[in-house]
Amino acid sequence: MSRPSPAATVTYRKFTWIGNQIEDADMTKLFQIKKARRVPITKLVATAVREFIERTEQEVTNVQES
């Protein structure tokens, strides 16, 4: 009998709209980061969103200036 993958044994709180498009493997990684850093997943997601917006705004600005 094969052993379940580590991702299959991790349990974490299911998020509704925040996490409905996050794949299980990515959510597992977020959960591991949450445990290691003791930061709520919602704050990790908020940081990622902020960084995405900043990067996207820079890309849009660069395209508009070209």
PDB file of N, CA and C in Angstrom:
ATOM      1  N   MET A   1       0.841  -1.177   0.000  1.00  0.00           N
ATOM      2  CA  MET A   1       0.000   0.000   0.000  1.00  0.00           C
ATOM      3  C   MET A   1       0.886   1.241   0.000  1.00  0.00           C
ATOM      4  N   SER A   2       0.595   2.211  -0.848  1.00  0.00           N
ATOM      5  CA  SER A   2       1.419   3.408  -0.933  1.00  0.00           C
ATOM      6  C   SER A   2       1.057   4.383   0.179  1.00  0.00           C
ATOM      7  N   ARG A   3       2.030   5.193   0.552  1.00  0.00           N
ATOM      8  CA  ARG A   3       1.820   6.188   1.594  1.00  0.00           C
ATOM      9  C   ARG A   3       1.241   7.454   0.964  1.00  0.00           C
ATOM     10  N   PRO A   4       0.377   8.135   1.684  1.00  0.00           N
ATOM     11  CA  PRO A   4      -0.162   9.390   1.148  1.00  0.00           C
ATOM     12  C   PRO A   4       0.932  10.446   1.094  1.00  0.00           C
ATOM     13  N   SER A   5       0.828  11.334   0.124  1.00  0.00           N
ATOM     14  CA  SER A   5       1.815  12.404   0.020  1.00  0.00           C
ATOM     15  C   SER A   5       1.677  13.324   1.225  1.00  0.00           C
ATOM     16  N   PRO A   6       2.751  14.056   1.607  1.00  0.00           N
ATOM     17  CA  PRO A   6       2.661  14.974   2.739  1.00  0.00           C
ATOM     18  C   PRO A   6       1.543  15.993   2.560  1.00  0.00           C
ATOM     19  N   ALA A   7       1.322  16.435   1.324  1.00  0.00           N
ATOM     20  CA  ALA A   7       0.264  17.419   1.073  1.00  0.00           C
ATOM     21  C   ALA A   7      -1.105  16.842   1.425  1.00  0.00           C
ATOM     22  N   ALA A   8      -1.273  15.546   1.262  1.00  0.00           N
ATOM     23  CA  ALA A   8      -2.561  14.928   1.535  1.00  0.00           C
ATOM     24  C   ALA A   8      -2.831  14.833   3.035  1.00  0.00           C
ATOM     25  N   THR A   9      -1.782  14.879   3.855  1.00  0.00           N
ATOM     26  CA  THR A   9      -1.967  14.745   5.292  1.00  0.00           C
ATOM     27  C   THR A   9      -2.089  16.080   6.009  1.00  0.00           C
ATOM     28  N   VAL A  10      -1.820  17.180   5.339  1.00  0.00           N
ATOM     29  CA  VAL A  10      -1.915  18.500   5.958  1.00  0.00           C
ATOM     30  C   VAL A  10      -3.367  18.938   5.967  1.00  0.00           C
ATOM     31  N   THR A  11      -3.809  19.410   7.110  1.00  0.00           N
ATOM     32  CA  THR A  11      -5.165  19.948   7.181  1.00  0.00           C
ATOM     33  C   THR A  11      -5.078  21.430   7.505  1.00  0.00           C
ATOM     34  N   TYR A  12      -5.887  22.207   6.875  1.00  0.00           N
ATOM     35  CA  TYR A  12      -5.925  23.644   7.102  1.00  0.00           C
ATOM     36  C   TYR A  12      -7.348  24.127   6.921  1.00  0.00           C
ATOM     37  N   ARG A  13      -7.604  25.274   7.500  1.00  0.00           N
ATOM     38  CA  ARG A  13      -8.939  25.849   7.413  1.00  0.00           C
ATOM     39  C   ARG A  13      -9.233  26.224   5.967  1.00  0.00           C
ATOM     40  N   LYS A  14     -10.372  25.821   5.475  1.00  0.00           N
ATOM     41  CA  LYS A  14     -10.768  26.168   4.106  1.00  0.00           C
ATOM     42  C   LYS A  14     -11.266  27.602   4.081  1.00  0.00           C
ATOM     43  N   PHE A  15     -10.753  28.384   3.156  1.00  0.00           N
ATOM     44  CA  PHE A  15     -11.193  29.758   2.986  1.00  0.00           C
ATOM     45  C   PHE A  15     -12.209  29.787   1.855  1.00  0.00           C
ATOM     46  N   THR A  16     -13.180  30.645   1.965  1.00  0.00           N
ATOM     47  CA  THR A  16     -14.221  30.699   0.950  1.00  0.00           C
ATOM     48  C   THR A  16     -13.718  31.485  -0.245  1.00  0.00           C
ATOM     49  N   TRP A  17     -14.102  32.726  -0.405  1.00  0.00           N
ATOM     50  CA  TRP A  17     -13.758  33.475  -1.615  1.00  0.00           C
ATOM     51  C   TRP A  17     -12.272  33.751  -1.711  1.00  0.00           C
ATOM     52  N   ILE A  18     -11.575  33.868  -0.597  1.00  0.00           N
ATOM     53  CA  ILE A  18     -10.140  34.167  -0.642  1.00  0.00           C
ATOM     54  C   ILE A  18      -9.372  33.022  -1.302  1.00  0.00           C
ATOM     55  N   GLY A  19      -9.742  31.823  -0.965  1.00  0.00           N
ATOM     56  CA  GLY A  19      -8.960  30.695  -1.425  1.00  0.00           C
ATOM     57  C   GLY A  19      -9.602  29.832  -2.481  1.00  0.00           C
ATOM     58  N   ASN A  20     -10.725  30.242  -3.028  1.00  0.00           N
ATOM     59  CA  ASN A  20     -11.429  29.337  -3.929  1.00  0.00           C
ATOM     60  C   ASN A  20     -10.700  29.104  -5.244  1.00  0.00           C
ATOM     61  N   GLN A  21      -9.750  29.936  -5.609  1.00  0.00           N
ATOM     62  CA  GLN A  21      -8.982  29.721  -6.836  1.00  0.00           C
ATOM     63  C   GLN A  21      -7.532  29.316  -6.544  1.00  0.00           C
ATOM     64  N   ILE A  22      -7.196  29.127  -5.277  1.00  0.00           N
ATOM     65  CA  ILE A  22      -5.846  28.705  -4.912  1.00  0.00           C
ATOM     66  C   ILE A  22      -5.806  27.180  -4.930  1.00  0.00           C
ATOM     67  N   GLU A  23      -4.862  26.636  -5.687  1.00  0.00           N
ATOM     68  CA  GLU A  23      -4.740  25.183  -5.804  1.00  0.00           C
ATOM     69  C   GLU A  23      -4.304  24.580  -4.479  1.00  0.00           C
ATOM     70  N   ASP A  24      -4.651  23.323  -4.269  1.00  0.00           N
ATOM     71  CA  ASP A  24      -4.330  22.652  -3.012  1.00  0.00           C
ATOM     72  C   ASP A  24      -2.837  22.682  -2.696  1.00  0.00           C
ATOM     73  N   ALA A  25      -1.990  22.461  -3.693  1.00  0.00           N
ATOM     74  CA  ALA A  25      -0.542  22.461  -3.455  1.00  0.00           C
ATOM     75  C   ALA A  25      -0.069  23.840  -2.988  1.00  0.00           C
ATOM     76  N   ASP A  26      -0.606  24.904  -3.599  1.00  0.00           N
ATOM     77  CA  ASP A  26      -0.227  26.255  -3.189  1.00  0.00           C
ATOM     78  C   ASP A  26      -0.761  26.579  -1.797  1.00  0.00           C
ATOM     79  N   MET A  27      -1.978  26.127  -1.495  1.00  0.00           N
ATOM     80  CA  MET A  27      -2.546  26.366  -0.171  1.00  0.00           C
ATOM     81  C   MET A  27      -1.748  25.621   0.897  1.00  0.00           C
ATOM     82  N   THR A  28      -1.278  24.443   0.557  1.00  0.00           N
ATOM     83  CA  THR A  28      -0.439  23.689   1.483  1.00  0.00           C
ATOM     84  C   THR A  28       0.844  24.457   1.779  1.00  0.00           C
ATOM     85  N   LYS A  29       1.456  25.033   0.744  1.00  0.00           N
ATOM     86  CA  LYS A  29       2.672  25.834   0.943  1.00  0.00           C
ATOM     87  C   LYS A  29       2.371  27.060   1.796  1.00  0.00           C
ATOM     88  N   LEU A  30       1.246  27.731   1.520  1.00  0.00           N
ATOM     89  CA  LEU A  30       0.856  28.881   2.345  1.00  0.00           C
ATOM     90  C   LEU A  30       0.674  28.470   3.799  1.00  0.00           C
ATOM     91  N   PHE A  31       0.052  27.325   4.020  1.00  0.00           N
ATOM     92  CA  PHE A  31      -0.160  26.839   5.380  1.00  0.00           C
ATOM     93  C   PHE A  31       1.175  26.585   6.079  1.00  0.00           C
ATOM     94  N   GLN A  32       2.129  26.011   5.357  1.00  0.00           N
ATOM     95  CA  GLN A  32       3.449  25.751   5.938  1.00  0.00           C
ATOM     96  C   GLN A  32       4.164  27.058   6.281  1.00  0.00           C
ATOM     97  N   ILE A  33       4.048  28.058   5.400  1.00  0.00           N
ATOM     98  CA  ILE A  33       4.639  29.376   5.671  1.00  0.00           C
ATOM     99  C   ILE A  33       3.951  30.017   6.868  1.00  0.00           C
ATOM    100  N   LYS A  34       2.629  29.898   6.930  1.00  0.00           N
ATOM    101  CA  LYS A  34       1.852  30.435   8.053  1.00  0.00           C
ATOM    102  C   LYS A  34       2.368  29.872   9.371  1.00  0.00           C
ATOM    103  N   LYS A  35       2.554  28.559   9.424  1.00  0.00           N
ATOM    104  CA  LYS A  35       3.032  27.906  10.643  1.00  0.00           C
ATOM    105  C   LYS A  35       4.457  28.351  10.990  1.00  0.00           C
ATOM    106  N   ALA A  36       5.326  28.432   9.983  1.00  0.00           N
ATOM    107  CA  ALA A  36       6.725  28.783  10.232  1.00  0.00           C
ATOM    108  C   ALA A  36       6.882  30.240  10.672  1.00  0.00           C
ATOM    109  N   ARG A  37       6.124  31.129  10.044  1.00  0.00           N
ATOM    110  CA  ARG A  37       6.258  32.560  10.343  1.00  0.00           C
ATOM    111  C   ARG A  37       5.253  33.066  11.364  1.00  0.00           C
ATOM    112  N   ARG A  38       4.258  32.239  11.661  1.00  0.00           N
ATOM    113  CA  ARG A  38       3.190  32.632  12.589  1.00  0.00           C
ATOM    114  C   ARG A  38       2.469  33.889  12.110  1.00  0.00           C
ATOM    115  N   VAL A  39       2.133  33.864  10.819  1.00  0.00           N
ATOM    116  CA  VAL A  39       1.409  34.954  10.170  1.00  0.00           C
ATOM    117  C   VAL A  39       0.140  34.349   9.576  1.00  0.00           C
ATOM    118  N   PRO A  40      -1.019  34.975   9.798  1.00  0.00           N
ATOM    119  CA  PRO A  40      -2.250  34.432   9.225  1.00  0.00           C
ATOM    120  C   PRO A  40      -2.189  34.367   7.693  1.00  0.00           C
ATOM    121  N   ILE A  41      -2.836  33.352   7.140  1.00  0.00           N
ATOM    122  CA  ILE A  41      -2.869  33.190   5.688  1.00  0.00           C
ATOM    123  C   ILE A  41      -3.468  34.427   5.031  1.00  0.00           C
ATOM    124  N   THR A  42      -4.463  35.044   5.654  1.00  0.00           N
ATOM    125  CA  THR A  42      -5.062  36.239   5.060  1.00  0.00           C
ATOM    126  C   THR A  42      -4.036  37.358   4.908  1.00  0.00           C
ATOM    127  N   LYS A  43      -3.108  37.483   5.846  1.00  0.00           N
ATOM    128  CA  LYS A  43      -2.054  38.503   5.711  1.00  0.00           C
ATOM    129  C   LYS A  43      -1.065  38.122   4.625  1.00  0.00           C
ATOM    130  N   LEU A  44      -0.753  36.838   4.507  1.00  0.00           N
ATOM    131  CA  LEU A  44       0.140  36.398   3.432  1.00  0.00           C
ATOM    132  C   LEU A  44      -0.485  36.684   2.071  1.00  0.00           C
ATOM    133  N   VAL A  45      -1.778  36.404   1.939  1.00  0.00           N
ATOM    134  CA  VAL A  45      -2.479  36.668   0.681  1.00  0.00           C
ATOM    135  C   VAL A  45      -2.536  38.169   0.419  1.00  0.00           C
ATOM    136  N   ALA A  46      -2.804  38.966   1.448  1.00  0.00           N
ATOM    137  CA  ALA A  46      -2.849  40.425   1.282  1.00  0.00           C
ATOM    138  C   ALA A  46      -1.503  40.957   0.810  1.00  0.00           C
ATOM    139  N   THR A  47      -0.414  40.440   1.359  1.00  0.00           N
ATOM    140  CA  THR A  47       0.925  40.854   0.931  1.00  0.00           C
ATOM    141  C   THR A  47       1.163  40.485  -0.529  1.00  0.00           C
ATOM    142  N   ALA A  48       0.763  39.287  -0.908  1.00  0.00           N
ATOM    143  CA  ALA A  48       0.938  38.846  -2.299  1.00  0.00           C
ATOM    144  C   ALA A  48       0.122  39.712  -3.251  1.00  0.00           C
ATOM    145  N   VAL A  49      -1.091  40.056  -2.852  1.00  0.00           N
ATOM    146  CA  VAL A  49      -1.942  40.907  -3.695  1.00  0.00           C
ATOM    147  C   VAL A  49      -1.313  42.281  -3.852  1.00  0.00           C
ATOM    148  N   ARG A  50      -0.849  42.863  -2.753  1.00  0.00           N
ATOM    149  CA  ARG A  50      -0.196  44.183  -2.810  1.00  0.00           C
ATOM    150  C   ARG A  50       1.008  44.167  -3.748  1.00  0.00           C
ATOM    151  N   GLU A  51       1.854  43.141  -3.602  1.00  0.00           N
ATOM    152  CA  GLU A  51       3.034  43.028  -4.456  1.00  0.00           C
ATOM    153  C   GLU A  51       2.644  42.848  -5.920  1.00  0.00           C
ATOM    154  N   PHE A  52       1.606  42.080  -6.188  1.00  0.00           N
ATOM    155  CA  PHE A  52       1.122  41.884  -7.548  1.00  0.00           C
ATOM    156  C   PHE A  52       0.635  43.209  -8.138  1.00  0.00           C
ATOM    157  N   ILE A  53      -0.127  43.954  -7.358  1.00  0.00           N
ATOM    158  CA  ILE A  53      -0.645  45.245  -7.836  1.00  0.00           C
ATOM    159  C   ILE A  53       0.502  46.208  -8.130  1.00  0.00           C
ATOM    160  N   GLU A  54       1.472  46.299  -7.230  1.00  0.00           N
ATOM    161  CA  GLU A  54       2.619  47.186  -7.449  1.00  0.00           C
ATOM    162  C   GLU A  54       3.375  46.800  -8.718  1.00  0.00           C
ATOM    163  N   ARG A  55       3.625  45.496  -8.888  1.00  0.00           N
ATOM    164  CA  ARG A  55       4.359  45.035 -10.077  1.00  0.00           C
ATOM    165  C   ARG A  55       3.559  45.300 -11.344  1.00  0.00           C
ATOM    166  N   THR A  56       2.272  45.044 -11.306  1.00  0.00           N
ATOM    167  CA  THR A  56       1.415  45.249 -12.468  1.00  0.00           C
ATOM    168  C   THR A  56       1.323  46.728 -12.814  1.00  0.00           C
ATOM    169  N   GLU A  57       1.203  47.592 -11.806  1.00  0.00           N
ATOM    170  CA  GLU A  57       1.161  49.032 -12.065  1.00  0.00           C
ATOM    171  C   GLU A  57       2.445  49.501 -12.729  1.00  0.00           C
ATOM    172  N   GLN A  58       3.587  48.976 -12.288  1.00  0.00           N
ATOM    173  CA  GLN A  58       4.864  49.342 -12.903  1.00  0.00           C
ATOM    174  C   GLN A  58       4.916  48.882 -14.351  1.00  0.00           C
ATOM    175  N   GLU A  59       4.435  47.666 -14.622  1.00  0.00           N
ATOM    176  CA  GLU A  59       4.431  47.147 -15.987  1.00  0.00           C
ATOM    177  C   GLU A  59       3.518  47.986 -16.878  1.00  0.00           C
ATOM    178  N   VAL A  60       2.357  48.356 -16.372  1.00  0.00           N
ATOM    179  CA  VAL A  60       1.413  49.171 -17.144  1.00  0.00           C
ATOM    180  C   VAL A  60       2.024  50.542 -17.422  1.00  0.00           C
ATOM    181  N   THR A  61       2.662  51.113 -16.411  1.00  0.00           N
ATOM    182  CA  THR A  61       3.301  52.421 -16.589  1.00  0.00           C
ATOM    183  C   THR A  61       4.415  52.343 -17.636  1.00  0.00           C
ATOM    184  N   ASN A  62       5.209  51.280 -17.581  1.00  0.00           N
ATOM    185  CA  ASN A  62       6.301  51.108 -18.558  1.00  0.00           C
ATOM    186  C   ASN A  62       5.760  50.956 -19.977  1.00  0.00           C
ATOM    187  N   VAL A  63       4.660  50.233 -20.139  1.00  0.00           N
ATOM    188  CA  VAL A  63       4.062  50.045 -21.467  1.00  0.00           C
ATOM    189  C   VAL A  63       3.502  51.372 -21.972  1.00  0.00           C
ATOM    190  N   GLN A  64       2.860  52.130 -21.124  1.00  0.00           N
ATOM    191  CA  GLN A  64       2.265  53.414 -21.516  1.00  0.00           C
ATOM    192  C   GLN A  64       3.343  54.423 -21.912  1.00  0.00           C
ATOM    193  N   GLU A  65       4.516  54.332 -21.284  1.00  0.00           N
ATOM    194  CA  GLU A  65       5.597  55.275 -21.596  1.00  0.00           C
ATOM    195  C   GLU A  65       6.314  54.913 -22.887  1.00  0.00           C
ATOM    196  N   SER A  66       6.168  53.687 -23.358  1.00  0.00           N
ATOM    197  CA  SER A  66       6.868  53.249 -24.581  1.00  0.00           C
ATOM    198  C   SER A  66       6.254  53.820 -25.821  1.00  0.00           C
TER     199      SER A  66
END
